[in-house]
PDB file of N, CA and C in Angstrom:
ATOM      1  N   MET A   1    -121.542 125.736  82.349  1.00  0.00           N
ATOM      2  CA  MET A   1    -122.467 124.752  81.840  1.00  0.00           C
ATOM      3  C   MET A   1    -122.761 123.744  82.944  1.00  0.00           C
ATOM      4  N   SER A   2    -124.014 123.273  82.973  1.00  0.00           N
ATOM      5  CA  SER A   2    -124.360 122.282  83.987  1.00  0.00           C
ATOM      6  C   SER A   2    -124.368 120.891  83.382  1.00  0.00           C
ATOM      7  N   LEU A   3    -123.922 119.922  84.177  1.00  0.00           N
ATOM      8  CA  LEU A   3    -123.971 118.521  83.806  1.00  0.00           C
ATOM      9  C   LEU A   3    -124.708 117.781  84.905  1.00  0.00           C
ATOM     10  N   SER A   4    -125.794 117.150  84.533  1.00  0.00           N
ATOM     11  CA  SER A   4    -126.614 116.387  85.473  1.00  0.00           C
ATOM     12  C   SER A   4    -126.414 114.904  85.202  1.00  0.00           C
ATOM     13  N   VAL A   5    -126.163 114.137  86.253  1.00  0.00           N
ATOM     14  CA  VAL A   5    -125.957 112.697  86.120  1.00  0.00           C
ATOM     15  C   VAL A   5    -126.944 111.965  87.014  1.00  0.00           C
ATOM     16  N   THR A   6    -127.664 111.025  86.417  1.00  0.00           N
ATOM     17  CA  THR A   6    -128.553 110.139  87.156  1.00  0.00           C
ATOM     18  C   THR A   6    -127.944 108.746  87.135  1.00  0.00           C
ATOM     19  N   ALA A   7    -127.683 108.200  88.307  1.00  0.00           N
ATOM     20  CA  ALA A   7    -127.052 106.891  88.425  1.00  0.00           C
ATOM     21  C   ALA A   7    -128.085 105.850  88.848  1.00  0.00           C
ATOM     22  N   GLY A   8    -128.058 104.724  88.175  1.00  0.00           N
ATOM     23  CA  GLY A   8    -128.944 103.617  88.515  1.00  0.00           C
ATOM     24  C   GLY A   8    -128.187 102.308  88.416  1.00  0.00           C
ATOM     25  N   GLY A   9    -128.933 101.214  88.551  1.00  0.00           N
ATOM     26  CA  GLY A   9    -128.307  99.908  88.459  1.00  0.00           C
ATOM     27  C   GLY A   9    -127.877  99.393  89.808  1.00  0.00           C
ATOM     28  N   ARG A  10    -126.695  98.821  89.868  1.00  0.00           N
ATOM     29  CA  ARG A  10    -126.204  98.127  91.055  1.00  0.00           C
ATOM     30  C   ARG A  10    -126.144  99.068  92.260  1.00  0.00           C
ATOM     31  N   SER A  11    -126.752  98.669  93.352  1.00  0.00           N
ATOM     32  CA  SER A  11    -126.786  99.513  94.547  1.00  0.00           C
ATOM     33  C   SER A  11    -125.414  99.587  95.209  1.00  0.00           C
ATOM     34  N   GLY A  12    -125.193 100.670  95.927  1.00  0.00           N
ATOM     35  CA  GLY A  12    -123.955 100.853  96.666  1.00  0.00           C
ATOM     36  C   GLY A  12    -122.799 101.384  95.840  1.00  0.00           C
ATOM     37  N   GLU A  13    -123.055 101.740  94.586  1.00  0.00           N
ATOM     38  CA  GLU A  13    -122.000 102.264  93.723  1.00  0.00           C
ATOM     39  C   GLU A  13    -122.122 103.780  93.593  1.00  0.00           C
ATOM     40  N   ARG A  14    -121.054 104.400  93.098  1.00  0.00           N
ATOM     41  CA  ARG A  14    -121.047 105.843  92.895  1.00  0.00           C
ATOM     42  C   ARG A  14    -120.444 106.173  91.532  1.00  0.00           C
ATOM     43  N   VAL A  15    -121.024 107.163  90.868  1.00  0.00           N
ATOM     44  CA  VAL A  15    -120.478 107.675  89.619  1.00  0.00           C
ATOM     45  C   VAL A  15    -119.765 108.986  89.925  1.00  0.00           C
ATOM     46  N   VAL A  16    -118.539 109.100  89.447  1.00  0.00           N
ATOM     47  CA  VAL A  16    -117.723 110.281  89.732  1.00  0.00           C
ATOM     48  C   VAL A  16    -117.241 110.896  88.426  1.00  0.00           C
ATOM     49  N   SER A  17    -116.821 112.140  88.519  1.00  0.00           N
ATOM     50  CA  SER A  17    -116.346 112.854  87.337  1.00  0.00           C
ATOM     51  C   SER A  17    -114.891 113.257  87.485  1.00  0.00           C
ATOM     52  N   ASN A  18    -114.236 113.410  86.346  1.00  0.00           N
ATOM     53  CA  ASN A  18    -112.908 113.994  86.264  1.00  0.00           C
ATOM     54  C   ASN A  18    -112.941 115.022  85.136  1.00  0.00           C
ATOM     55  N   PRO A  19    -112.775 116.323  85.435  1.00  0.00           N
ATOM     56  CA  PRO A  19    -112.467 116.934  86.717  1.00  0.00           C
ATOM     57  C   PRO A  19    -113.548 116.686  87.765  1.00  0.00           C
ATOM     58  N   ALA A  20    -113.120 116.798  89.021  1.00  0.00           N
ATOM     59  CA  ALA A  20    -114.017 116.559  90.140  1.00  0.00           C
ATOM     60  C   ALA A  20    -115.191 117.529  90.123  1.00  0.00           C
ATOM     61  N   GLY A  21    -116.275 117.106  90.731  1.00  0.00           N
ATOM     62  CA  GLY A  21    -117.465 117.951  90.823  1.00  0.00           C
ATOM     63  C   GLY A  21    -118.713 117.113  90.988  1.00  0.00           C
ATOM     64  N   LEU A  22    -118.685 115.906  90.425  1.00  0.00           N
ATOM     65  CA  LEU A  22    -119.829 115.004  90.537  1.00  0.00           C
ATOM     66  C   LEU A  22    -119.424 113.748  91.294  1.00  0.00           C
ATOM     67  N   ASN A  23    -120.272 113.366  92.238  1.00  0.00           N
ATOM     68  CA  ASN A  23    -120.087 112.143  93.012  1.00  0.00           C
ATOM     69  C   ASN A  23    -121.488 111.715  93.418  1.00  0.00           C
ATOM     70  N   VAL A  24    -122.103 110.847  92.605  1.00  0.00           N
ATOM     71  CA  VAL A  24    -123.529 110.560  92.768  1.00  0.00           C
ATOM     72  C   VAL A  24    -123.740 109.068  93.003  1.00  0.00           C
ATOM     73  N   ALA A  25    -124.488 108.761  94.055  1.00  0.00           N
ATOM     74  CA  ALA A  25    -124.790 107.372  94.398  1.00  0.00           C
ATOM     75  C   ALA A  25    -125.881 106.839  93.490  1.00  0.00           C
ATOM     76  N   THR A  26    -125.876 105.525  93.273  1.00  0.00           N
ATOM     77  CA  THR A  26    -126.954 104.919  92.497  1.00  0.00           C
ATOM     78  C   THR A  26    -128.283 105.190  93.193  1.00  0.00           C
ATOM     79  N   GLY A  27    -129.274 105.486  92.371  1.00  0.00           N
ATOM     80  CA  GLY A  27    -130.586 105.849  92.883  1.00  0.00           C
ATOM     81  C   GLY A  27    -130.754 107.339  93.084  1.00  0.00           C
ATOM     82  N   ALA A  28    -129.743 108.110  92.695  1.00  0.00           N
ATOM     83  CA  ALA A  28    -129.782 109.555  92.917  1.00  0.00           C
ATOM     84  C   ALA A  28    -129.364 110.300  91.658  1.00  0.00           C
ATOM     85  N   THR A  29    -129.612 111.605  91.685  1.00  0.00           N
ATOM     86  CA  THR A  29    -129.201 112.515  90.620  1.00  0.00           C
ATOM     87  C   THR A  29    -128.415 113.654  91.229  1.00  0.00           C
ATOM     88  N   ALA A  30    -127.359 114.070  90.557  1.00  0.00           N
ATOM     89  CA  ALA A  30    -126.579 115.225  91.007  1.00  0.00           C
ATOM     90  C   ALA A  30    -126.225 116.080  89.803  1.00  0.00           C
ATOM     91  N   THR A  31    -126.026 117.365  90.064  1.00  0.00           N
ATOM     92  CA  THR A  31    -125.674 118.323  89.016  1.00  0.00           C
ATOM     93  C   THR A  31    -124.466 119.128  89.459  1.00  0.00           C
ATOM     94  N   ALA A  32    -123.569 119.381  88.521  1.00  0.00           N
ATOM     95  CA  ALA A  32    -122.397 120.214  88.795  1.00  0.00           C
ATOM     96  C   ALA A  32    -122.190 121.178  87.638  1.00  0.00           C
ATOM     97  N   GLN A  33    -121.472 122.241  87.917  1.00  0.00           N
ATOM     98  CA  GLN A  33    -121.174 123.268  86.927  1.00  0.00           C
ATOM     99  C   GLN A  33    -119.722 123.130  86.457  1.00  0.00           C
ATOM    100  N   PHE A  34    -119.538 123.211  85.144  1.00  0.00           N
ATOM    101  CA  PHE A  34    -118.202 123.176  84.555  1.00  0.00           C
ATOM    102  C   PHE A  34    -118.096 124.298  83.531  1.00  0.00           C
ATOM    103  N   ALA A  35    -116.887 124.735  83.271  1.00  0.00           N
ATOM    104  CA  ALA A  35    -116.679 125.778  82.272  1.00  0.00           C
ATOM    105  C   ALA A  35    -117.034 125.249  80.887  1.00  0.00           C
ATOM    106  N   PRO A  36    -117.552 126.116  80.014  1.00  0.00           N
ATOM    107  CA  PRO A  36    -117.844 125.689  78.644  1.00  0.00           C
ATOM    108  C   PRO A  36    -116.599 125.105  77.980  1.00  0.00           C
ATOM    109  N   GLY A  37    -116.785 124.029  77.222  1.00  0.00           N
ATOM    110  CA  GLY A  37    -115.681 123.396  76.525  1.00  0.00           C
ATOM    111  C   GLY A  37    -114.896 122.405  77.351  1.00  0.00           C
ATOM    112  N   THR A  38    -115.292 122.223  78.629  1.00  0.00           N
ATOM    113  CA  THR A  38    -114.582 121.274  79.482  1.00  0.00           C
ATOM    114  C   THR A  38    -114.851 119.847  79.027  1.00  0.00           C
ATOM    115  N   SER A  39    -113.820 119.044  78.952  1.00  0.00           N
ATOM    116  CA  SER A  39    -113.950 117.619  78.685  1.00  0.00           C
ATOM    117  C   SER A  39    -114.107 116.907  80.021  1.00  0.00           C
ATOM    118  N   VAL A  40    -115.234 116.241  80.203  1.00  0.00           N
ATOM    119  CA  VAL A  40    -115.551 115.582  81.463  1.00  0.00           C
ATOM    120  C   VAL A  40    -115.609 114.070  81.229  1.00  0.00           C
ATOM    121  N   THR A  41    -114.866 113.341  82.045  1.00  0.00           N
ATOM    122  CA  THR A  41    -114.914 111.882  81.988  1.00  0.00           C
ATOM    123  C   THR A  41    -115.677 111.370  83.201  1.00  0.00           C
ATOM    124  N   LEU A  42    -116.676 110.548  82.939  1.00  0.00           N
ATOM    125  CA  LEU A  42    -117.478 109.931  83.989  1.00  0.00           C
ATOM    126  C   LEU A  42    -117.070 108.477  84.136  1.00  0.00           C
ATOM    127  N   SER A  43    -117.045 107.996  85.371  1.00  0.00           N
ATOM    128  CA  SER A  43    -116.704 106.601  85.622  1.00  0.00           C
ATOM    129  C   SER A  43    -117.359 106.157  86.918  1.00  0.00           C
ATOM    130  N   VAL A  44    -117.411 104.844  87.112  1.00  0.00           N
ATOM    131  CA  VAL A  44    -117.896 104.278  88.366  1.00  0.00           C
ATOM    132  C   VAL A  44    -116.702 104.178  89.304  1.00  0.00           C
ATOM    133  N   ALA A  45    -116.865 104.691  90.520  1.00  0.00           N
ATOM    134  CA  ALA A  45    -115.733 104.799  91.444  1.00  0.00           C
ATOM    135  C   ALA A  45    -115.063 103.456  91.710  1.00  0.00           C
ATOM    136  N   SER A  46    -115.831 102.370  91.720  1.00  0.00           N
ATOM    137  CA  SER A  46    -115.282 101.050  92.024  1.00  0.00           C
ATOM    138  C   SER A  46    -114.586 100.407  90.820  1.00  0.00           C
ATOM    139  N   GLY A  47    -114.717 101.023  89.639  1.00  0.00           N
ATOM    140  CA  GLY A  47    -114.127 100.465  88.434  1.00  0.00           C
ATOM    141  C   GLY A  47    -115.072  99.584  87.643  1.00  0.00           C
ATOM    142  N   ARG A  48    -116.312  99.433  88.105  1.00  0.00           N
ATOM    143  CA  ARG A  48    -117.290  98.633  87.363  1.00  0.00           C
ATOM    144  C   ARG A  48    -117.646  99.301  86.043  1.00  0.00           C
ATOM    145  N   ASP A  49    -118.173  98.507  85.136  1.00  0.00           N
ATOM    146  CA  ASP A  49    -118.697  99.034  83.882  1.00  0.00           C
ATOM    147  C   ASP A  49    -120.066  99.667  84.113  1.00  0.00           C
ATOM    148  N   ALA A  50    -120.461 100.493  83.169  1.00  0.00           N
ATOM    149  CA  ALA A  50    -121.808 101.067  83.165  1.00  0.00           C
ATOM    150  C   ALA A  50    -122.284 101.160  81.725  1.00  0.00           C
ATOM    151  N   ILE A  51    -123.587 101.221  81.571  1.00  0.00           N
ATOM    152  CA  ILE A  51    -124.181 101.545  80.279  1.00  0.00           C
ATOM    153  C   ILE A  51    -124.594 103.006  80.363  1.00  0.00           C
ATOM    154  N   TRP A  52    -124.005 103.824  79.525  1.00  0.00           N
ATOM    155  CA  TRP A  52    -124.182 105.270  79.580  1.00  0.00           C
ATOM    156  C   TRP A  52    -125.214 105.716  78.557  1.00  0.00           C
ATOM    157  N   GLY A  53    -125.983 106.716  78.922  1.00  0.00           N
ATOM    158  CA  GLY A  53    -126.987 107.237  78.006  1.00  0.00           C
ATOM    159  C   GLY A  53    -127.084 108.751  78.097  1.00  0.00           C
ATOM    160  N   GLY A  54    -127.866 109.324  77.226  1.00  0.00           N
ATOM    161  CA  GLY A  54    -128.024 110.774  77.191  1.00  0.00           C
ATOM    162  C   GLY A  54    -126.896 111.422  76.417  1.00  0.00           C
ATOM    163  N   ALA A  55    -126.342 112.483  76.975  1.00  0.00           N
ATOM    164  CA  ALA A  55    -125.314 113.265  76.281  1.00  0.00           C
ATOM    165  C   ALA A  55    -123.993 112.522  76.141  1.00  0.00           C
ATOM    166  N   CYS A  56    -123.845 111.419  76.861  1.00  0.00           N
ATOM    167  CA  CYS A  56    -122.613 110.634  76.814  1.00  0.00           C
ATOM    168  C   CYS A  56    -122.990 109.172  76.627  1.00  0.00           C
ATOM    169  N   SER A  57    -123.516 108.855  75.458  1.00  0.00           N
ATOM    170  CA  SER A  57    -124.057 107.519  75.228  1.00  0.00           C
ATOM    171  C   SER A  57    -122.975 106.523  74.842  1.00  0.00           C
ATOM    172  N   SER A  58    -123.087 105.316  75.404  1.00  0.00           N
ATOM    173  CA  SER A  58    -122.195 104.221  75.003  1.00  0.00           C
ATOM    174  C   SER A  58    -122.897 103.291  74.018  1.00  0.00           C
ATOM    175  N   GLY A  59    -124.047 103.693  73.528  1.00  0.00           N
ATOM    176  CA  GLY A  59    -124.750 102.916  72.518  1.00  0.00           C
ATOM    177  C   GLY A  59    -125.223 101.562  73.004  1.00  0.00           C
ATOM    178  N   GLY A  60    -125.498 101.468  74.296  1.00  0.00           N
ATOM    179  CA  GLY A  60    -125.972 100.213  74.866  1.00  0.00           C
ATOM    180  C   GLY A  60    -124.870  99.275  75.302  1.00  0.00           C
ATOM    181  N   ALA A  61    -123.617  99.646  75.045  1.00  0.00           N
ATOM    182  CA  ALA A  61    -122.479  98.813  75.432  1.00  0.00           C
ATOM    183  C   ALA A  61    -122.043  99.125  76.864  1.00  0.00           C
ATOM    184  N   LYS A  62    -121.459  98.132  77.509  1.00  0.00           N
ATOM    185  CA  LYS A  62    -120.875  98.333  78.836  1.00  0.00           C
ATOM    186  C   LYS A  62    -119.462  98.888  78.668  1.00  0.00           C
ATOM    187  N   THR A  63    -119.205 100.042  79.270  1.00  0.00           N
ATOM    188  CA  THR A  63    -117.867 100.625  79.213  1.00  0.00           C
ATOM    189  C   THR A  63    -117.493 101.165  80.583  1.00  0.00           C
ATOM    190  N   ARG A  64    -116.210 101.301  80.822  1.00  0.00           N
ATOM    191  CA  ARG A  64    -115.747 101.771  82.138  1.00  0.00           C
ATOM    192  C   ARG A  64    -115.888 103.274  82.301  1.00  0.00           C
ATOM    193  N   THR A  65    -115.725 104.002  81.200  1.00  0.00           N
ATOM    194  CA  THR A  65    -115.789 105.459  81.261  1.00  0.00           C
ATOM    195  C   THR A  65    -116.604 105.996  80.101  1.00  0.00           C
ATOM    196  N   CYS A  66    -117.005 107.240  80.246  1.00  0.00           N
ATOM    197  CA  CYS A  66    -117.665 107.948  79.159  1.00  0.00           C
ATOM    198  C   CYS A  66    -117.190 109.394  79.221  1.00  0.00           C
ATOM    199  N   THR A  67    -116.771 109.929  78.090  1.00  0.00           N
ATOM    200  CA  THR A  67    -116.214 111.280  78.052  1.00  0.00           C
ATOM    201  C   THR A  67    -117.035 112.154  77.117  1.00  0.00           C
ATOM    202  N   LEU A  68    -117.346 113.347  77.574  1.00  0.00           N
ATOM    203  CA  LEU A  68    -118.064 114.307  76.742  1.00  0.00           C
ATOM    204  C   LEU A  68    -117.459 115.685  76.916  1.00  0.00           C
ATOM    205  N   THR A  69    -117.631 116.522  75.908  1.00  0.00           N
ATOM    206  CA  THR A  69    -117.210 117.916  75.970  1.00  0.00           C
ATOM    207  C   THR A  69    -118.452 118.765  76.133  1.00  0.00           C
ATOM    208  N   LEU A  70    -118.463 119.558  77.193  1.00  0.00           N
ATOM    209  CA  LEU A  70    -119.657 120.351  77.522  1.00  0.00           C
ATOM    210  C   LEU A  70    -119.708 121.626  76.699  1.00  0.00           C
ATOM    211  N   ASN A  71    -120.637 121.671  75.772  1.00  0.00           N
ATOM    212  CA  ASN A  71    -120.897 122.883  75.005  1.00  0.00           C
ATOM    213  C   ASN A  71    -122.313 123.400  75.244  1.00  0.00           C
ATOM    214  N   ALA A  72    -123.064 122.687  76.070  1.00  0.00           N
ATOM    215  CA  ALA A  72    -124.427 123.074  76.453  1.00  0.00           C
ATOM    216  C   ALA A  72    -124.757 122.350  77.741  1.00  0.00           C
ATOM    217  N   ASN A  73    -125.793 122.804  78.433  1.00  0.00           N
ATOM    218  CA  ASN A  73    -126.259 122.075  79.600  1.00  0.00           C
ATOM    219  C   ASN A  73    -126.658 120.676  79.165  1.00  0.00           C
ATOM    220  N   SER A  74    -126.212 119.683  79.906  1.00  0.00           N
ATOM    221  CA  SER A  74    -126.364 118.295  79.461  1.00  0.00           C
ATOM    222  C   SER A  74    -126.773 117.396  80.604  1.00  0.00           C
ATOM    223  N   SER A  75    -127.351 116.252  80.239  1.00  0.00           N
ATOM    224  CA  SER A  75    -127.694 115.236  81.248  1.00  0.00           C
ATOM    225  C   SER A  75    -127.253 113.871  80.739  1.00  0.00           C
ATOM    226  N   VAL A  76    -126.852 113.046  81.691  1.00  0.00           N
ATOM    227  CA  VAL A  76    -126.331 111.709  81.406  1.00  0.00           C
ATOM    228  C   VAL A  76    -126.967 110.733  82.376  1.00  0.00           C
ATOM    229  N   THR A  77    -127.246 109.535  81.888  1.00  0.00           N
ATOM    230  CA  THR A  77    -127.672 108.454  82.765  1.00  0.00           C
ATOM    231  C   THR A  77    -126.583 107.389  82.790  1.00  0.00           C
ATOM    232  N   ALA A  78    -126.431 106.756  83.938  1.00  0.00           N
ATOM    233  CA  ALA A  78    -125.461 105.667  84.093  1.00  0.00           C
ATOM    234  C   ALA A  78    -126.173 104.490  84.734  1.00  0.00           C
ATOM    235  N   ASN A  79    -126.174 103.367  84.043  1.00  0.00           N
ATOM    236  CA  ASN A  79    -126.722 102.130  84.574  1.00  0.00           C
ATOM    237  C   ASN A  79    -125.551 101.245  84.964  1.00  0.00           C
ATOM    238  N   VAL A  80    -125.220 101.249  86.262  1.00  0.00           N
ATOM    239  CA  VAL A  80    -124.022 100.552  86.733  1.00  0.00           C
ATOM    240  C   VAL A  80    -124.278  99.045  86.699  1.00  0.00           C
ATOM    241  N   GLN A  81    -123.315  98.343  86.120  1.00  0.00           N
ATOM    242  CA  GLN A  81    -123.475  96.890  85.940  1.00  0.00           C
ATOM    243  C   GLN A  81    -122.876  96.111  87.092  1.00  0.00           C
TER     244      GLN A  81
END
């Protein structure tokens, strides 16, 4: 399954995934492949909060991480605060 992440907001930050595979700078989009059913946690490398949207929505709230289970190709946006 593919997971696409678009990072925006504060410049100079990076959004990373656990398990590893995604490392995307603000202003960019990256895609990685994970096995079906994988639980992926996204976070800002510096520890800043983000507002998450798409397949891993934080409902407009600022949170440090966002976790989703990949059962289909998915996309996520991160607005780094």
